[in-house]
N, C-alpha and C. Protein backbone atom coordinates (compact mmCIF):
# COMPACT_ATOMS: atom_id res chain seq x y z
N MET A 1 -4.64 -1.76 -17.69
CA MET A 1 -3.35 -1.08 -17.83
C MET A 1 -2.43 -1.57 -16.72
N ASP A 2 -1.15 -1.70 -17.03
CA ASP A 2 -0.16 -2.17 -16.08
C ASP A 2 0.06 -1.15 -14.97
N LYS A 3 0.08 -1.63 -13.73
CA LYS A 3 0.25 -0.76 -12.57
C LYS A 3 1.55 0.04 -12.66
N GLN A 4 2.62 -0.61 -13.07
CA GLN A 4 3.91 0.07 -13.17
C GLN A 4 3.88 1.21 -14.19
N LYS A 5 3.18 1.01 -15.29
CA LYS A 5 3.10 2.06 -16.32
C LYS A 5 2.32 3.26 -15.80
N VAL A 6 1.26 2.99 -15.03
CA VAL A 6 0.46 4.08 -14.46
C VAL A 6 1.31 4.88 -13.48
N ILE A 7 2.04 4.19 -12.63
CA ILE A 7 2.89 4.87 -11.65
C ILE A 7 3.99 5.66 -12.35
N GLU A 8 4.56 5.09 -13.38
CA GLU A 8 5.61 5.80 -14.14
C GLU A 8 5.04 7.04 -14.82
N ALA A 9 3.82 6.94 -15.33
CA ALA A 9 3.18 8.11 -15.95
C ALA A 9 2.98 9.21 -14.92
N TYR A 10 2.63 8.84 -13.70
CA TYR A 10 2.48 9.83 -12.62
C TYR A 10 3.83 10.47 -12.30
N ARG A 11 4.88 9.64 -12.18
CA ARG A 11 6.21 10.16 -11.85
C ARG A 11 6.74 11.09 -12.92
N ARG A 12 6.38 10.84 -14.16
CA ARG A 12 6.84 11.70 -15.26
C ARG A 12 5.99 12.95 -15.40
N GLY A 13 4.91 13.04 -14.63
CA GLY A 13 4.06 14.22 -14.66
C GLY A 13 3.02 14.20 -15.76
N LEU A 14 2.78 13.02 -16.34
CA LEU A 14 1.79 12.92 -17.41
C LEU A 14 0.37 12.87 -16.87
N ILE A 15 0.20 12.36 -15.65
CA ILE A 15 -1.11 12.33 -15.01
C ILE A 15 -0.96 12.79 -13.56
N THR A 16 -2.05 13.22 -12.96
CA THR A 16 -2.03 13.65 -11.57
C THR A 16 -2.15 12.44 -10.65
N LEU A 17 -1.90 12.67 -9.37
CA LEU A 17 -2.03 11.60 -8.39
C LEU A 17 -3.48 11.12 -8.32
N GLN A 18 -4.42 12.04 -8.44
CA GLN A 18 -5.83 11.67 -8.42
C GLN A 18 -6.18 10.80 -9.63
N GLU A 19 -5.67 11.15 -10.80
CA GLU A 19 -5.91 10.34 -11.99
C GLU A 19 -5.27 8.96 -11.85
N CYS A 20 -4.10 8.93 -11.28
CA CYS A 20 -3.41 7.67 -11.03
C CYS A 20 -4.28 6.78 -10.13
N GLY A 21 -4.83 7.37 -9.08
CA GLY A 21 -5.69 6.62 -8.17
C GLY A 21 -6.95 6.12 -8.85
N GLN A 22 -7.52 6.93 -9.71
CA GLN A 22 -8.73 6.51 -10.43
C GLN A 22 -8.43 5.34 -11.35
N ILE A 23 -7.32 5.38 -12.04
CA ILE A 23 -6.95 4.30 -12.97
C ILE A 23 -6.69 3.01 -12.19
N LEU A 24 -5.98 3.15 -11.06
CA LEU A 24 -5.64 1.97 -10.28
C LEU A 24 -6.79 1.51 -9.37
N GLY A 25 -7.78 2.37 -9.18
CA GLY A 25 -8.88 2.05 -8.28
C GLY A 25 -8.45 2.06 -6.83
N ALA A 26 -7.60 3.02 -6.47
CA ALA A 26 -7.06 3.10 -5.11
C ALA A 26 -7.47 4.41 -4.46
N GLU A 27 -7.55 4.37 -3.14
CA GLU A 27 -7.85 5.58 -2.36
C GLU A 27 -6.54 6.30 -2.03
N GLN A 28 -6.65 7.51 -1.49
CA GLN A 28 -5.48 8.34 -1.22
C GLN A 28 -4.48 7.64 -0.30
N THR A 29 -4.94 7.03 0.78
CA THR A 29 -4.02 6.36 1.70
C THR A 29 -3.33 5.18 1.04
N GLN A 30 -4.07 4.46 0.20
CA GLN A 30 -3.47 3.35 -0.53
C GLN A 30 -2.41 3.85 -1.50
N LEU A 31 -2.69 4.97 -2.16
CA LEU A 31 -1.72 5.55 -3.10
C LEU A 31 -0.45 5.99 -2.38
N ASP A 32 -0.62 6.60 -1.22
CA ASP A 32 0.56 7.02 -0.45
C ASP A 32 1.43 5.82 -0.10
N ASP A 33 0.81 4.74 0.35
CA ASP A 33 1.56 3.53 0.69
C ASP A 33 2.20 2.92 -0.55
N LEU A 34 1.47 2.91 -1.64
CA LEU A 34 1.98 2.34 -2.88
C LEU A 34 3.18 3.12 -3.40
N MET A 35 3.10 4.43 -3.37
CA MET A 35 4.21 5.26 -3.85
C MET A 35 5.44 5.08 -2.96
N ARG A 36 5.21 4.92 -1.67
CA ARG A 36 6.31 4.73 -0.74
C ARG A 36 7.01 3.40 -1.01
N THR A 37 6.25 2.32 -1.23
CA THR A 37 6.86 1.01 -1.47
C THR A 37 7.48 0.95 -2.86
N GLU A 38 6.85 1.56 -3.85
CA GLU A 38 7.40 1.53 -5.20
C GLU A 38 8.72 2.29 -5.26
N ASN A 39 8.87 3.29 -4.43
CA ASN A 39 10.12 4.05 -4.41
C ASN A 39 11.29 3.18 -3.99
N HIS A 40 11.05 2.25 -3.06
CA HIS A 40 12.12 1.36 -2.59
C HIS A 40 12.49 0.33 -3.64
N ARG A 41 11.55 -0.06 -4.49
CA ARG A 41 11.80 -1.06 -5.51
C ARG A 41 12.42 -0.49 -6.77
N ARG A 42 12.34 0.79 -6.94
CA ARG A 42 12.79 1.44 -8.16
C ARG A 42 14.31 1.37 -8.28
N PRO A 43 14.84 0.95 -9.43
CA PRO A 43 16.29 0.88 -9.58
C PRO A 43 16.92 2.27 -9.54
N ILE A 44 18.15 2.33 -9.13
CA ILE A 44 18.86 3.61 -9.04
C ILE A 44 19.06 4.21 -10.42
N SER A 45 19.36 3.38 -11.39
CA SER A 45 19.54 3.86 -12.75
C SER A 45 18.93 2.86 -13.72
N GLN A 46 18.90 3.20 -14.98
CA GLN A 46 18.38 2.28 -15.99
C GLN A 46 19.26 1.04 -16.07
N ASN A 47 20.55 1.22 -15.86
CA ASN A 47 21.49 0.10 -15.88
C ASN A 47 21.80 -0.28 -14.43
N PRO A 48 21.26 -1.41 -13.94
CA PRO A 48 21.44 -1.74 -12.53
C PRO A 48 22.88 -2.13 -12.17
N TYR A 49 23.72 -2.35 -13.18
CA TYR A 49 25.10 -2.73 -12.93
C TYR A 49 26.02 -1.56 -13.19
N MET A 50 26.82 -1.23 -12.22
CA MET A 50 27.74 -0.10 -12.37
C MET A 50 29.15 -0.57 -12.05
N ILE A 51 30.11 0.01 -12.69
CA ILE A 51 31.50 -0.27 -12.40
C ILE A 51 32.01 0.91 -11.60
N VAL A 52 32.56 0.63 -10.43
CA VAL A 52 33.04 1.69 -9.55
C VAL A 52 34.52 1.48 -9.32
N ASP A 53 35.28 2.53 -9.52
CA ASP A 53 36.71 2.48 -9.28
C ASP A 53 37.00 3.21 -7.97
N HIS A 54 37.58 2.53 -7.01
CA HIS A 54 37.79 3.10 -5.69
C HIS A 54 39.12 3.83 -5.55
N PHE A 55 39.79 4.18 -6.64
CA PHE A 55 41.07 4.85 -6.56
C PHE A 55 40.94 6.31 -6.39
């Protein structure tokens, strides 16, 4: 299973953090680090391009 899909399932509340770790084969400290780094990579919105009017 794709790592990103497992993490997304956890974020959506479909699986617990423990289940996420079991699927990925990671320990608690590894999961904490992974969630922290994945948060920085996650796009702000589904559409990464936004038009902003500064008026």
